N, C-alpha and C. Protein backbone atom coordinates (compact mmCIF):
# COMPACT_ATOMS: atom_id res chain seq x y z
N MET A 1 -46.49 97.37 -53.30
CA MET A 1 -46.52 95.93 -53.33
C MET A 1 -46.08 95.37 -51.99
N LEU A 2 -46.69 94.21 -51.60
CA LEU A 2 -46.36 93.60 -50.33
C LEU A 2 -44.88 93.29 -50.23
N ARG A 3 -44.29 92.77 -51.35
CA ARG A 3 -42.88 92.43 -51.33
C ARG A 3 -42.04 93.63 -50.96
N ARG A 4 -42.32 94.78 -51.55
CA ARG A 4 -41.52 95.97 -51.28
C ARG A 4 -41.72 96.44 -49.84
N ALA A 5 -42.95 96.36 -49.35
CA ALA A 5 -43.21 96.76 -47.97
C ALA A 5 -42.44 95.88 -47.00
N ILE A 6 -42.44 94.56 -47.25
CA ILE A 6 -41.72 93.63 -46.40
C ILE A 6 -40.25 93.99 -46.33
N LEU A 7 -39.63 94.16 -47.50
CA LEU A 7 -38.20 94.44 -47.53
C LEU A 7 -37.87 95.78 -46.94
N ALA A 8 -38.70 96.77 -47.22
CA ALA A 8 -38.42 98.09 -46.68
C ALA A 8 -38.35 98.03 -45.18
N GLY A 9 -39.35 97.36 -44.58
CA GLY A 9 -39.35 97.28 -43.14
C GLY A 9 -38.18 96.51 -42.59
N LEU A 10 -37.91 95.36 -43.14
CA LEU A 10 -36.84 94.53 -42.65
C LEU A 10 -35.51 95.24 -42.72
N LEU A 11 -35.26 95.89 -43.83
CA LEU A 11 -33.94 96.44 -44.05
C LEU A 11 -33.72 97.76 -43.35
N LEU A 12 -34.81 98.39 -42.99
CA LEU A 12 -34.66 99.57 -42.15
C LEU A 12 -34.36 99.18 -40.72
N CYS A 13 -34.78 97.98 -40.35
CA CYS A 13 -34.78 97.61 -38.94
C CYS A 13 -33.54 96.86 -38.51
N LEU A 14 -32.49 96.87 -39.27
CA LEU A 14 -31.26 96.26 -38.82
C LEU A 14 -30.84 96.91 -37.51
N ALA A 15 -30.48 96.10 -36.54
CA ALA A 15 -30.16 96.61 -35.21
C ALA A 15 -29.13 97.72 -35.28
N ALA A 16 -29.40 98.81 -34.61
CA ALA A 16 -28.48 99.94 -34.56
C ALA A 16 -28.22 100.26 -33.10
N PRO A 17 -27.10 99.83 -32.53
CA PRO A 17 -26.85 100.02 -31.12
C PRO A 17 -26.81 101.49 -30.73
N LEU A 18 -27.35 101.78 -29.56
CA LEU A 18 -27.31 103.14 -29.03
C LEU A 18 -26.06 103.30 -28.17
N PRO A 19 -25.61 104.53 -27.96
CA PRO A 19 -24.52 104.76 -27.03
C PRO A 19 -24.93 104.25 -25.66
N ALA A 20 -24.02 103.62 -24.92
CA ALA A 20 -24.34 103.05 -23.63
C ALA A 20 -24.97 104.10 -22.73
N GLY A 21 -26.13 103.75 -22.16
CA GLY A 21 -26.80 104.64 -21.24
C GLY A 21 -27.63 105.73 -21.89
N ALA A 22 -27.69 105.77 -23.20
CA ALA A 22 -28.45 106.83 -23.86
C ALA A 22 -29.93 106.60 -23.68
N GLN A 23 -30.63 107.53 -23.05
CA GLN A 23 -32.06 107.41 -22.82
C GLN A 23 -32.77 108.72 -23.09
N ASP A 24 -32.04 109.74 -23.48
CA ASP A 24 -32.65 111.01 -23.80
C ASP A 24 -32.67 111.17 -25.30
N ALA A 25 -32.49 112.39 -25.77
CA ALA A 25 -32.51 112.63 -27.21
C ALA A 25 -31.41 111.81 -27.88
N LEU A 26 -31.78 111.13 -28.94
CA LEU A 26 -30.85 110.26 -29.65
C LEU A 26 -30.54 110.84 -31.02
N PRO A 27 -29.38 111.42 -31.22
CA PRO A 27 -29.03 111.93 -32.54
C PRO A 27 -28.96 110.78 -33.54
N LEU A 28 -29.57 110.96 -34.69
CA LEU A 28 -29.52 109.91 -35.70
C LEU A 28 -28.11 109.68 -36.19
N GLN A 29 -27.25 110.69 -36.03
CA GLN A 29 -25.84 110.50 -36.40
C GLN A 29 -25.19 109.41 -35.56
N GLU A 30 -25.65 109.26 -34.30
CA GLU A 30 -25.11 108.21 -33.44
C GLU A 30 -25.49 106.84 -33.98
N LEU A 31 -26.75 106.70 -34.41
CA LEU A 31 -27.18 105.44 -35.00
C LEU A 31 -26.37 105.13 -36.25
N GLN A 32 -26.14 106.16 -37.02
CA GLN A 32 -25.40 106.01 -38.27
C GLN A 32 -24.00 105.47 -38.02
N SER A 33 -23.28 106.06 -37.07
CA SER A 33 -21.91 105.64 -36.80
C SER A 33 -21.86 104.28 -36.12
N ARG A 34 -22.81 104.01 -35.24
CA ARG A 34 -22.84 102.72 -34.56
C ARG A 34 -23.16 101.59 -35.55
N TYR A 35 -24.07 101.86 -36.48
CA TYR A 35 -24.41 100.84 -37.47
C TYR A 35 -23.21 100.46 -38.31
N ALA A 36 -22.37 101.43 -38.60
CA ALA A 36 -21.21 101.17 -39.44
C ALA A 36 -20.28 100.12 -38.82
N ALA A 37 -20.35 99.96 -37.50
CA ALA A 37 -19.48 99.00 -36.82
C ALA A 37 -20.07 97.59 -36.79
N LEU A 38 -21.34 97.44 -37.13
CA LEU A 38 -21.97 96.12 -37.11
C LEU A 38 -21.52 95.27 -38.29
N GLU A 39 -21.28 93.98 -38.02
CA GLU A 39 -20.96 93.05 -39.08
C GLU A 39 -22.21 92.42 -39.69
N GLY A 40 -23.26 92.26 -38.88
CA GLY A 40 -24.47 91.66 -39.42
C GLY A 40 -25.49 91.34 -38.35
N LEU A 41 -26.61 90.77 -38.79
CA LEU A 41 -27.71 90.42 -37.90
C LEU A 41 -28.54 89.32 -38.55
N ARG A 42 -28.98 88.37 -37.73
CA ARG A 42 -29.87 87.31 -38.17
C ARG A 42 -31.09 87.31 -37.25
N ALA A 43 -32.29 87.14 -37.80
CA ALA A 43 -33.49 87.15 -36.98
C ALA A 43 -34.65 86.50 -37.71
N SER A 44 -35.65 86.09 -36.93
CA SER A 44 -36.95 85.73 -37.47
C SER A 44 -37.83 86.96 -37.35
N PHE A 45 -38.88 87.04 -38.16
CA PHE A 45 -39.72 88.23 -38.09
C PHE A 45 -41.18 87.90 -38.38
N THR A 46 -42.03 88.76 -37.86
CA THR A 46 -43.44 88.80 -38.24
C THR A 46 -43.74 90.23 -38.65
N GLN A 47 -44.37 90.39 -39.79
CA GLN A 47 -44.72 91.73 -40.24
C GLN A 47 -46.19 91.80 -40.63
N VAL A 48 -46.84 92.84 -40.14
CA VAL A 48 -48.22 93.11 -40.50
C VAL A 48 -48.25 94.40 -41.31
N THR A 49 -48.90 94.38 -42.46
CA THR A 49 -49.10 95.59 -43.25
C THR A 49 -50.58 95.91 -43.27
N ALA A 50 -50.89 97.19 -43.14
CA ALA A 50 -52.28 97.64 -43.09
C ALA A 50 -52.36 99.03 -43.69
N SER A 51 -53.50 99.67 -43.53
CA SER A 51 -53.71 101.01 -44.07
C SER A 51 -54.47 101.85 -43.06
N GLU A 52 -54.18 103.14 -43.03
CA GLU A 52 -54.92 104.06 -42.18
C GLU A 52 -56.36 104.22 -42.66
N PHE A 53 -56.63 103.83 -43.90
CA PHE A 53 -57.93 104.10 -44.51
C PHE A 53 -58.76 102.85 -44.76
N ALA A 54 -58.28 101.68 -44.28
CA ALA A 54 -59.01 100.43 -44.49
C ALA A 54 -58.84 99.53 -43.28
N ASP A 55 -59.77 98.58 -43.12
CA ASP A 55 -59.73 97.68 -41.98
C ASP A 55 -58.94 96.41 -42.24
N ASP A 56 -58.65 96.11 -43.50
CA ASP A 56 -57.98 94.86 -43.80
C ASP A 56 -56.47 94.97 -43.55
N SER A 57 -55.85 93.82 -43.30
CA SER A 57 -54.41 93.77 -43.07
C SER A 57 -53.90 92.41 -43.53
N SER A 58 -52.59 92.29 -43.67
CA SER A 58 -51.98 91.03 -44.06
C SER A 58 -50.76 90.79 -43.18
N GLN A 59 -50.47 89.53 -42.94
CA GLN A 59 -49.35 89.16 -42.08
C GLN A 59 -48.46 88.15 -42.79
N ILE A 60 -47.17 88.27 -42.57
CA ILE A 60 -46.22 87.32 -43.15
C ILE A 60 -45.10 87.08 -42.16
N ASP A 61 -44.60 85.84 -42.13
CA ASP A 61 -43.49 85.47 -41.25
C ASP A 61 -42.31 85.04 -42.12
N GLY A 62 -41.11 85.19 -41.59
CA GLY A 62 -39.94 84.78 -42.34
C GLY A 62 -38.67 84.95 -41.54
N THR A 63 -37.54 84.89 -42.24
CA THR A 63 -36.24 85.07 -41.62
C THR A 63 -35.46 86.09 -42.44
N VAL A 64 -34.52 86.75 -41.78
CA VAL A 64 -33.71 87.75 -42.46
C VAL A 64 -32.27 87.65 -41.98
N LEU A 65 -31.35 87.80 -42.92
CA LEU A 65 -29.93 87.87 -42.63
C LEU A 65 -29.40 89.15 -43.27
N LEU A 66 -28.74 89.97 -42.49
CA LEU A 66 -28.28 91.27 -42.97
C LEU A 66 -26.79 91.43 -42.69
N SER A 67 -26.09 92.10 -43.60
CA SER A 67 -24.69 92.44 -43.40
C SER A 67 -24.35 93.63 -44.28
N LYS A 68 -24.21 94.79 -43.61
CA LYS A 68 -23.95 96.03 -44.35
C LYS A 68 -25.04 96.23 -45.42
N ASN A 69 -24.63 96.31 -46.70
CA ASN A 69 -25.63 96.52 -47.75
C ASN A 69 -26.03 95.20 -48.42
N LYS A 70 -25.76 94.08 -47.75
CA LYS A 70 -26.16 92.77 -48.25
C LYS A 70 -27.31 92.24 -47.39
N TYR A 71 -28.18 91.44 -48.00
CA TYR A 71 -29.25 90.84 -47.21
C TYR A 71 -29.81 89.60 -47.89
N ARG A 72 -30.47 88.80 -47.07
CA ARG A 72 -31.19 87.62 -47.55
C ARG A 72 -32.48 87.53 -46.75
N VAL A 73 -33.62 87.64 -47.43
CA VAL A 73 -34.93 87.59 -46.80
C VAL A 73 -35.68 86.39 -47.36
N GLU A 74 -36.15 85.50 -46.47
CA GLU A 74 -36.86 84.31 -46.90
C GLU A 74 -38.23 84.26 -46.25
N THR A 75 -39.27 84.09 -47.06
CA THR A 75 -40.64 83.91 -46.60
C THR A 75 -41.21 82.68 -47.30
N PRO A 76 -42.40 82.22 -46.91
CA PRO A 76 -42.96 81.05 -47.59
C PRO A 76 -43.20 81.25 -49.09
N THR A 77 -43.30 82.50 -49.55
CA THR A 77 -43.65 82.74 -50.94
C THR A 77 -42.50 83.24 -51.80
N GLN A 78 -41.40 83.68 -51.18
CA GLN A 78 -40.31 84.17 -51.99
C GLN A 78 -39.01 84.28 -51.20
N THR A 79 -37.91 84.32 -51.95
CA THR A 79 -36.59 84.57 -51.38
C THR A 79 -35.99 85.75 -52.13
N VAL A 80 -35.47 86.72 -51.39
CA VAL A 80 -34.85 87.90 -51.99
C VAL A 80 -33.43 88.01 -51.44
N VAL A 81 -32.46 88.10 -52.34
CA VAL A 81 -31.06 88.12 -51.94
C VAL A 81 -30.34 89.23 -52.70
N THR A 82 -29.46 89.94 -52.02
CA THR A 82 -28.59 90.88 -52.72
C THR A 82 -27.19 90.83 -52.13
N ASN A 83 -26.20 90.97 -52.98
CA ASN A 83 -24.81 91.05 -52.52
C ASN A 83 -24.30 92.49 -52.58
N GLY A 84 -25.23 93.43 -52.75
CA GLY A 84 -24.86 94.84 -52.85
C GLY A 84 -24.69 95.31 -54.27
N THR A 85 -24.49 94.37 -55.19
CA THR A 85 -24.35 94.68 -56.61
C THR A 85 -25.49 94.10 -57.43
N THR A 86 -25.84 92.87 -57.13
CA THR A 86 -26.90 92.14 -57.86
C THR A 86 -27.98 91.70 -56.89
N THR A 87 -29.24 91.73 -57.34
CA THR A 87 -30.37 91.27 -56.54
C THR A 87 -31.08 90.13 -57.26
N TRP A 88 -31.41 89.09 -56.50
CA TRP A 88 -32.17 87.94 -57.02
C TRP A 88 -33.51 87.87 -56.29
N ILE A 89 -34.60 87.72 -57.02
CA ILE A 89 -35.93 87.55 -56.43
C ILE A 89 -36.49 86.24 -56.96
N TYR A 90 -36.64 85.26 -56.08
CA TYR A 90 -37.10 83.93 -56.47
C TYR A 90 -38.50 83.69 -55.93
N ALA A 91 -39.43 83.39 -56.83
CA ALA A 91 -40.81 83.08 -56.47
C ALA A 91 -41.09 81.64 -56.88
N PRO A 92 -41.08 80.69 -55.94
CA PRO A 92 -41.30 79.28 -56.30
C PRO A 92 -42.61 79.04 -57.03
N ALA A 93 -43.67 79.75 -56.66
CA ALA A 93 -44.97 79.54 -57.30
C ALA A 93 -44.94 79.88 -58.78
N ASP A 94 -44.07 80.84 -59.14
CA ASP A 94 -43.93 81.24 -60.55
C ASP A 94 -42.83 80.47 -61.26
N SER A 95 -42.06 79.68 -60.49
CA SER A 95 -40.91 78.96 -61.04
C SER A 95 -40.00 79.91 -61.81
N GLN A 96 -39.68 81.06 -61.15
CA GLN A 96 -38.93 82.11 -61.84
C GLN A 96 -38.01 82.84 -60.87
N VAL A 97 -36.82 83.19 -61.38
CA VAL A 97 -35.89 84.05 -60.66
C VAL A 97 -35.65 85.30 -61.49
N VAL A 98 -35.88 86.46 -60.90
CA VAL A 98 -35.60 87.73 -61.57
C VAL A 98 -34.28 88.26 -61.03
N VAL A 99 -33.34 88.52 -61.94
CA VAL A 99 -32.02 89.02 -61.56
C VAL A 99 -31.90 90.46 -62.03
N ASN A 100 -31.48 91.34 -61.14
CA ASN A 100 -31.40 92.75 -61.50
C ASN A 100 -30.23 93.40 -60.78
N ASP A 101 -29.86 94.59 -61.24
CA ASP A 101 -28.84 95.37 -60.55
C ASP A 101 -29.41 95.86 -59.22
N ALA A 102 -28.61 95.79 -58.16
CA ALA A 102 -29.02 96.35 -56.88
C ALA A 102 -29.07 97.86 -57.02
N ASP A 103 -30.16 98.45 -56.57
CA ASP A 103 -30.37 99.89 -56.74
C ASP A 103 -30.55 100.53 -55.38
N ALA A 104 -29.57 101.33 -54.96
CA ALA A 104 -29.62 101.97 -53.64
C ALA A 104 -30.77 102.95 -53.53
N GLU A 105 -31.27 103.44 -54.65
CA GLU A 105 -32.35 104.42 -54.61
C GLU A 105 -33.72 103.78 -54.81
N ALA A 106 -33.77 102.46 -54.97
CA ALA A 106 -35.06 101.79 -55.17
C ALA A 106 -35.87 101.80 -53.90
N SER A 107 -37.17 101.45 -54.03
CA SER A 107 -38.05 101.47 -52.88
C SER A 107 -37.68 100.41 -51.86
N THR A 108 -37.00 99.34 -52.28
CA THR A 108 -36.48 98.36 -51.34
C THR A 108 -35.17 98.91 -50.79
N LEU A 109 -35.23 99.43 -49.57
CA LEU A 109 -34.08 100.11 -48.99
C LEU A 109 -33.18 99.15 -48.26
N THR A 110 -31.89 99.44 -48.25
CA THR A 110 -30.94 98.70 -47.43
C THR A 110 -30.69 99.49 -46.15
N PRO A 111 -30.22 98.82 -45.09
CA PRO A 111 -29.90 99.54 -43.86
C PRO A 111 -28.86 100.63 -44.11
N GLN A 112 -27.90 100.32 -44.95
CA GLN A 112 -26.82 101.28 -45.21
C GLN A 112 -27.35 102.57 -45.82
N THR A 113 -28.20 102.46 -46.85
CA THR A 113 -28.69 103.68 -47.49
C THR A 113 -29.64 104.44 -46.57
N PHE A 114 -30.45 103.72 -45.79
CA PHE A 114 -31.36 104.42 -44.87
C PHE A 114 -30.59 105.20 -43.83
N LEU A 115 -29.62 104.54 -43.16
CA LEU A 115 -28.90 105.21 -42.09
C LEU A 115 -27.97 106.30 -42.62
N THR A 116 -27.53 106.14 -43.85
CA THR A 116 -26.67 107.16 -44.44
C THR A 116 -27.41 108.47 -44.62
N THR A 117 -28.70 108.39 -44.97
CA THR A 117 -29.47 109.60 -45.24
C THR A 117 -30.44 109.99 -44.13
N ALA A 118 -30.59 109.13 -43.11
CA ALA A 118 -31.59 109.39 -42.06
C ALA A 118 -31.42 110.74 -41.36
N PRO A 119 -30.21 111.15 -41.01
CA PRO A 119 -30.09 112.45 -40.32
C PRO A 119 -30.62 113.62 -41.12
N GLU A 120 -30.58 113.51 -42.45
CA GLU A 120 -31.09 114.59 -43.28
C GLU A 120 -32.59 114.47 -43.54
N LYS A 121 -33.16 113.26 -43.35
CA LYS A 121 -34.55 113.03 -43.72
C LYS A 121 -35.53 112.93 -42.55
N TYR A 122 -35.00 112.65 -41.34
CA TYR A 122 -35.88 112.44 -40.19
C TYR A 122 -35.41 113.22 -38.97
N ASP A 123 -36.38 113.67 -38.19
CA ASP A 123 -36.11 114.32 -36.91
C ASP A 123 -36.58 113.41 -35.79
N LEU A 124 -35.86 113.43 -34.66
CA LEU A 124 -36.30 112.71 -33.48
C LEU A 124 -37.37 113.54 -32.80
N ALA A 125 -38.62 113.06 -32.82
CA ALA A 125 -39.74 113.82 -32.27
C ALA A 125 -39.85 113.64 -30.76
N SER A 126 -39.66 112.41 -30.27
CA SER A 126 -39.80 112.16 -28.83
C SER A 126 -39.19 110.81 -28.48
N THR A 127 -38.95 110.62 -27.18
CA THR A 127 -38.51 109.33 -26.66
C THR A 127 -39.33 109.01 -25.42
N ARG A 128 -39.50 107.72 -25.14
CA ARG A 128 -40.19 107.30 -23.92
C ARG A 128 -39.71 105.90 -23.55
N SER A 129 -39.95 105.52 -22.31
CA SER A 129 -39.60 104.19 -21.85
C SER A 129 -40.79 103.27 -21.99
N SER A 130 -40.53 102.00 -22.26
CA SER A 130 -41.60 101.03 -22.42
C SER A 130 -41.05 99.64 -22.13
N SER A 131 -41.90 98.64 -22.27
CA SER A 131 -41.49 97.25 -22.10
C SER A 131 -42.06 96.44 -23.25
N ARG A 132 -41.25 95.55 -23.77
CA ARG A 132 -41.69 94.66 -24.84
C ARG A 132 -41.12 93.28 -24.60
N ASP A 133 -41.98 92.27 -24.62
CA ASP A 133 -41.55 90.90 -24.32
C ASP A 133 -40.82 90.84 -22.98
N ASP A 134 -41.37 91.56 -22.00
CA ASP A 134 -40.84 91.59 -20.63
C ASP A 134 -39.44 92.18 -20.54
N ALA A 135 -39.03 92.92 -21.56
CA ALA A 135 -37.71 93.55 -21.55
C ALA A 135 -37.86 95.07 -21.64
N PRO A 136 -37.12 95.82 -20.83
CA PRO A 136 -37.18 97.29 -20.91
C PRO A 136 -36.70 97.79 -22.26
N HIS A 137 -37.41 98.76 -22.81
CA HIS A 137 -37.09 99.35 -24.10
C HIS A 137 -37.14 100.86 -24.02
N GLU A 138 -36.41 101.49 -24.93
CA GLU A 138 -36.58 102.91 -25.22
C GLU A 138 -37.32 103.02 -26.55
N VAL A 139 -38.34 103.84 -26.61
CA VAL A 139 -39.14 103.99 -27.82
C VAL A 139 -38.82 105.34 -28.44
N LEU A 140 -38.37 105.33 -29.69
CA LEU A 140 -37.96 106.53 -30.40
C LEU A 140 -38.96 106.84 -31.51
N SER A 141 -39.53 108.02 -31.47
CA SER A 141 -40.48 108.45 -32.50
C SER A 141 -39.79 109.41 -33.45
N LEU A 142 -39.86 109.10 -34.75
CA LEU A 142 -39.23 109.92 -35.78
C LEU A 142 -40.30 110.55 -36.66
N ALA A 143 -40.04 111.76 -37.11
CA ALA A 143 -40.93 112.45 -38.05
C ALA A 143 -40.13 112.89 -39.26
N ALA A 144 -40.77 112.84 -40.41
CA ALA A 144 -40.10 113.25 -41.64
C ALA A 144 -39.66 114.71 -41.54
N ALA A 145 -38.42 114.98 -41.89
CA ALA A 145 -37.90 116.33 -41.84
C ALA A 145 -38.16 117.09 -43.13
N ASN A 146 -38.36 116.35 -44.23
CA ASN A 146 -38.60 117.00 -45.51
C ASN A 146 -39.28 116.01 -46.45
N ALA A 147 -39.59 116.45 -47.64
CA ALA A 147 -40.35 115.65 -48.60
C ALA A 147 -39.56 114.47 -49.16
N SER A 148 -38.25 114.42 -48.93
CA SER A 148 -37.46 113.31 -49.46
C SER A 148 -37.58 112.04 -48.63
N ALA A 149 -38.14 112.15 -47.43
CA ALA A 149 -38.30 110.99 -46.56
C ALA A 149 -39.43 110.10 -47.07
N ARG A 150 -39.18 108.80 -47.16
CA ARG A 150 -40.20 107.88 -47.65
C ARG A 150 -41.37 107.78 -46.68
N PHE A 151 -41.07 107.73 -45.37
CA PHE A 151 -42.11 107.60 -44.36
C PHE A 151 -42.39 108.95 -43.72
N LYS A 152 -43.66 109.23 -43.45
CA LYS A 152 -43.98 110.48 -42.78
C LYS A 152 -43.72 110.38 -41.28
N GLU A 153 -43.73 109.16 -40.74
CA GLU A 153 -43.39 108.96 -39.33
C GLU A 153 -42.96 107.52 -39.12
N ALA A 154 -42.17 107.29 -38.09
CA ALA A 154 -41.71 105.95 -37.77
C ALA A 154 -41.42 105.86 -36.28
N THR A 155 -41.58 104.66 -35.72
CA THR A 155 -41.31 104.43 -34.30
C THR A 155 -40.42 103.21 -34.17
N LEU A 156 -39.35 103.33 -33.37
CA LEU A 156 -38.42 102.23 -33.14
C LEU A 156 -38.44 101.85 -31.67
N TRP A 157 -38.52 100.53 -31.40
CA TRP A 157 -38.41 100.01 -30.04
C TRP A 157 -36.99 99.48 -29.87
N VAL A 158 -36.22 100.06 -28.94
CA VAL A 158 -34.81 99.71 -28.75
C VAL A 158 -34.63 99.03 -27.39
N ARG A 159 -34.22 97.78 -27.40
CA ARG A 159 -34.05 97.02 -26.16
C ARG A 159 -32.85 97.56 -25.38
N ARG A 160 -33.08 97.87 -24.09
CA ARG A 160 -32.03 98.49 -23.30
C ARG A 160 -30.85 97.57 -23.04
N SER A 161 -31.11 96.28 -22.83
CA SER A 161 -30.06 95.37 -22.39
C SER A 161 -28.93 95.24 -23.41
N ASP A 162 -29.26 95.25 -24.68
CA ASP A 162 -28.22 95.11 -25.70
C ASP A 162 -28.34 96.16 -26.79
N ARG A 163 -29.26 97.13 -26.61
CA ARG A 163 -29.42 98.26 -27.52
C ARG A 163 -29.70 97.79 -28.95
N ILE A 164 -30.71 96.90 -29.08
CA ILE A 164 -31.10 96.34 -30.36
C ILE A 164 -32.52 96.77 -30.69
N VAL A 165 -32.75 97.16 -31.93
CA VAL A 165 -34.10 97.47 -32.40
C VAL A 165 -34.86 96.16 -32.58
N THR A 166 -35.97 96.01 -31.83
CA THR A 166 -36.75 94.77 -31.92
C THR A 166 -38.09 94.98 -32.62
N ARG A 167 -38.47 96.24 -32.82
CA ARG A 167 -39.74 96.49 -33.51
C ARG A 167 -39.65 97.81 -34.27
N LEU A 168 -40.28 97.85 -35.43
CA LEU A 168 -40.39 99.07 -36.23
C LEU A 168 -41.82 99.23 -36.70
N ARG A 169 -42.38 100.40 -36.47
CA ARG A 169 -43.69 100.73 -37.03
C ARG A 169 -43.54 102.01 -37.83
N ALA A 170 -43.90 101.97 -39.11
CA ALA A 170 -43.72 103.13 -39.98
C ALA A 170 -44.97 103.36 -40.81
N VAL A 171 -45.25 104.64 -41.08
CA VAL A 171 -46.40 105.02 -41.89
C VAL A 171 -45.90 105.84 -43.07
N ASP A 172 -46.22 105.38 -44.29
CA ASP A 172 -45.74 106.13 -45.46
C ASP A 172 -46.73 107.23 -45.83
N ARG A 173 -46.41 107.94 -46.88
CA ARG A 173 -47.21 109.12 -47.24
C ARG A 173 -48.56 108.77 -47.86
N ASN A 174 -48.75 107.49 -48.18
CA ASN A 174 -50.05 107.04 -48.70
C ASN A 174 -50.92 106.42 -47.62
N GLY A 175 -50.44 106.46 -46.38
CA GLY A 175 -51.21 105.91 -45.27
C GLY A 175 -51.01 104.43 -45.05
N SER A 176 -50.07 103.81 -45.75
CA SER A 176 -49.78 102.39 -45.53
C SER A 176 -48.94 102.22 -44.27
N ILE A 177 -49.34 101.26 -43.44
CA ILE A 177 -48.69 101.03 -42.15
C ILE A 177 -47.90 99.73 -42.22
N LEU A 178 -46.67 99.78 -41.80
CA LEU A 178 -45.81 98.62 -41.73
C LEU A 178 -45.43 98.40 -40.27
N ASP A 179 -45.73 97.23 -39.72
CA ASP A 179 -45.40 96.92 -38.33
C ASP A 179 -44.57 95.64 -38.31
N LEU A 180 -43.29 95.79 -38.07
CA LEU A 180 -42.33 94.70 -38.13
C LEU A 180 -41.83 94.36 -36.74
N ARG A 181 -41.86 93.08 -36.38
CA ARG A 181 -41.40 92.63 -35.07
C ARG A 181 -40.37 91.51 -35.24
N LEU A 182 -39.18 91.77 -34.71
CA LEU A 182 -38.09 90.80 -34.81
C LEU A 182 -38.00 89.96 -33.54
N ARG A 183 -37.56 88.70 -33.69
CA ARG A 183 -37.35 87.81 -32.55
C ARG A 183 -36.16 86.91 -32.87
N ASP A 184 -35.69 86.19 -31.85
CA ASP A 184 -34.54 85.30 -32.01
C ASP A 184 -33.39 86.02 -32.70
N ILE A 185 -33.12 87.22 -32.23
CA ILE A 185 -32.11 88.07 -32.87
C ILE A 185 -30.70 87.66 -32.47
N ARG A 186 -29.84 87.53 -33.47
CA ARG A 186 -28.42 87.27 -33.25
C ARG A 186 -27.61 88.36 -33.94
N VAL A 187 -26.76 89.02 -33.17
CA VAL A 187 -25.92 90.09 -33.71
C VAL A 187 -24.56 89.52 -34.08
N ASN A 188 -24.07 89.92 -35.24
CA ASN A 188 -22.77 89.48 -35.75
C ASN A 188 -22.65 87.95 -35.79
N PRO A 189 -23.61 87.27 -36.42
CA PRO A 189 -23.53 85.81 -36.52
C PRO A 189 -22.43 85.40 -37.50
N ARG A 190 -22.04 84.13 -37.43
CA ARG A 190 -21.10 83.61 -38.41
C ARG A 190 -21.82 83.53 -39.75
N LEU A 191 -21.21 84.08 -40.78
CA LEU A 191 -21.86 84.18 -42.08
C LEU A 191 -21.30 83.16 -43.06
N ASN A 192 -22.19 82.44 -43.72
CA ASN A 192 -21.79 81.53 -44.78
C ASN A 192 -21.40 82.36 -46.00
N GLU A 193 -20.31 82.00 -46.66
CA GLU A 193 -19.82 82.80 -47.79
C GLU A 193 -20.82 82.83 -48.95
N ASN A 194 -21.74 81.86 -48.98
CA ASN A 194 -22.73 81.81 -50.06
C ASN A 194 -24.08 82.42 -49.66
N ALA A 195 -24.16 83.00 -48.46
CA ALA A 195 -25.44 83.50 -47.96
C ALA A 195 -26.01 84.61 -48.83
N PHE A 196 -25.14 85.40 -49.45
CA PHE A 196 -25.60 86.56 -50.20
C PHE A 196 -25.43 86.38 -51.71
N SER A 197 -25.58 85.15 -52.16
CA SER A 197 -25.65 84.86 -53.59
C SER A 197 -26.78 83.86 -53.77
N PHE A 198 -27.22 83.67 -55.01
CA PHE A 198 -28.36 82.78 -55.25
C PHE A 198 -28.15 82.03 -56.56
N ALA A 199 -28.34 80.72 -56.50
CA ALA A 199 -28.26 79.88 -57.69
C ALA A 199 -29.67 79.37 -57.99
N ALA A 200 -30.15 79.61 -59.18
CA ALA A 200 -31.50 79.19 -59.55
C ALA A 200 -31.62 77.68 -59.53
N PRO A 201 -32.69 77.14 -58.92
CA PRO A 201 -32.91 75.69 -58.95
C PRO A 201 -33.08 75.20 -60.38
N GLU A 202 -32.77 73.94 -60.59
CA GLU A 202 -32.88 73.36 -61.92
C GLU A 202 -34.31 73.46 -62.44
N GLY A 203 -34.45 73.87 -63.69
CA GLY A 203 -35.76 73.97 -64.31
C GLY A 203 -36.48 75.28 -64.08
N VAL A 204 -35.88 76.19 -63.29
CA VAL A 204 -36.51 77.49 -63.00
C VAL A 204 -36.07 78.51 -64.05
N GLU A 205 -37.02 79.30 -64.54
CA GLU A 205 -36.72 80.34 -65.52
C GLU A 205 -35.94 81.47 -64.87
N VAL A 206 -34.90 81.95 -65.55
CA VAL A 206 -34.11 83.07 -65.07
C VAL A 206 -34.36 84.26 -65.98
N VAL A 207 -34.85 85.36 -65.41
CA VAL A 207 -35.10 86.59 -66.15
C VAL A 207 -34.04 87.59 -65.75
N ASN A 208 -33.14 87.92 -66.66
CA ASN A 208 -32.00 88.77 -66.36
C ASN A 208 -32.30 90.19 -66.82
N LEU A 209 -32.46 91.11 -65.87
CA LEU A 209 -32.77 92.50 -66.18
C LEU A 209 -31.59 93.44 -65.93
N ARG A 210 -30.42 92.87 -65.69
CA ARG A 210 -29.26 93.72 -65.43
C ARG A 210 -28.88 94.56 -66.66
N ALA A 211 -28.36 95.72 -66.39
CA ALA A 211 -28.05 96.66 -67.47
C ALA A 211 -27.02 96.12 -68.44
N ASP A 212 -26.10 95.32 -67.95
CA ASP A 212 -25.03 94.81 -68.83
C ASP A 212 -25.37 93.42 -69.38
N SER A 213 -26.64 93.00 -69.22
CA SER A 213 -27.02 91.68 -69.69
C SER A 213 -27.03 91.63 -71.21
N THR A 214 -26.52 90.53 -71.75
CA THR A 214 -26.54 90.34 -73.21
C THR A 214 -27.62 89.35 -73.62
N GLU A 215 -28.39 88.87 -72.61
CA GLU A 215 -29.45 87.90 -72.90
C GLU A 215 -30.68 88.59 -73.47
């Protein structure tokens, strides 16, 4: 589903600073430990989803706010919010909010769960230098290390000046391509205490799928 592809890409792409001056082989363990020190990230994004086996593609723009295993993704068609325990998916066109337990093993991945397991699931295949938006970048190519990896390959563009991931391109095992490009990136922004919760607008149906729901 497009929704899952959008979230997967966004949440994998939370900025993961590299060790200062790192331009050779990048151990994923370094990304893992550096990510743990981040408080959050705010950005606008454009994502294109396509297929290796078809010519059609789709594009969507939106904003994302991330903090550890919490996130808020807003697009013209939906808002998805999680506080790490509960997830809300609001679709204005359907006048409905679906509330569910946050699932670390679901196809919608959080940065925390991805980076926690990345060293076991992906190998660094190669690195190269490049430029994106007139800024020097290091490009990291990853390959699936085993069958537990969701993507068979992925490429990260890491901006040298502040060691931020500005683009992610990933191909899953079904040939679906996700190309995510972040802009207007702010690292460790001031966070509103209500950013990672959601209150249903008046008149909107609430569908509660949580395990402990009595509704």
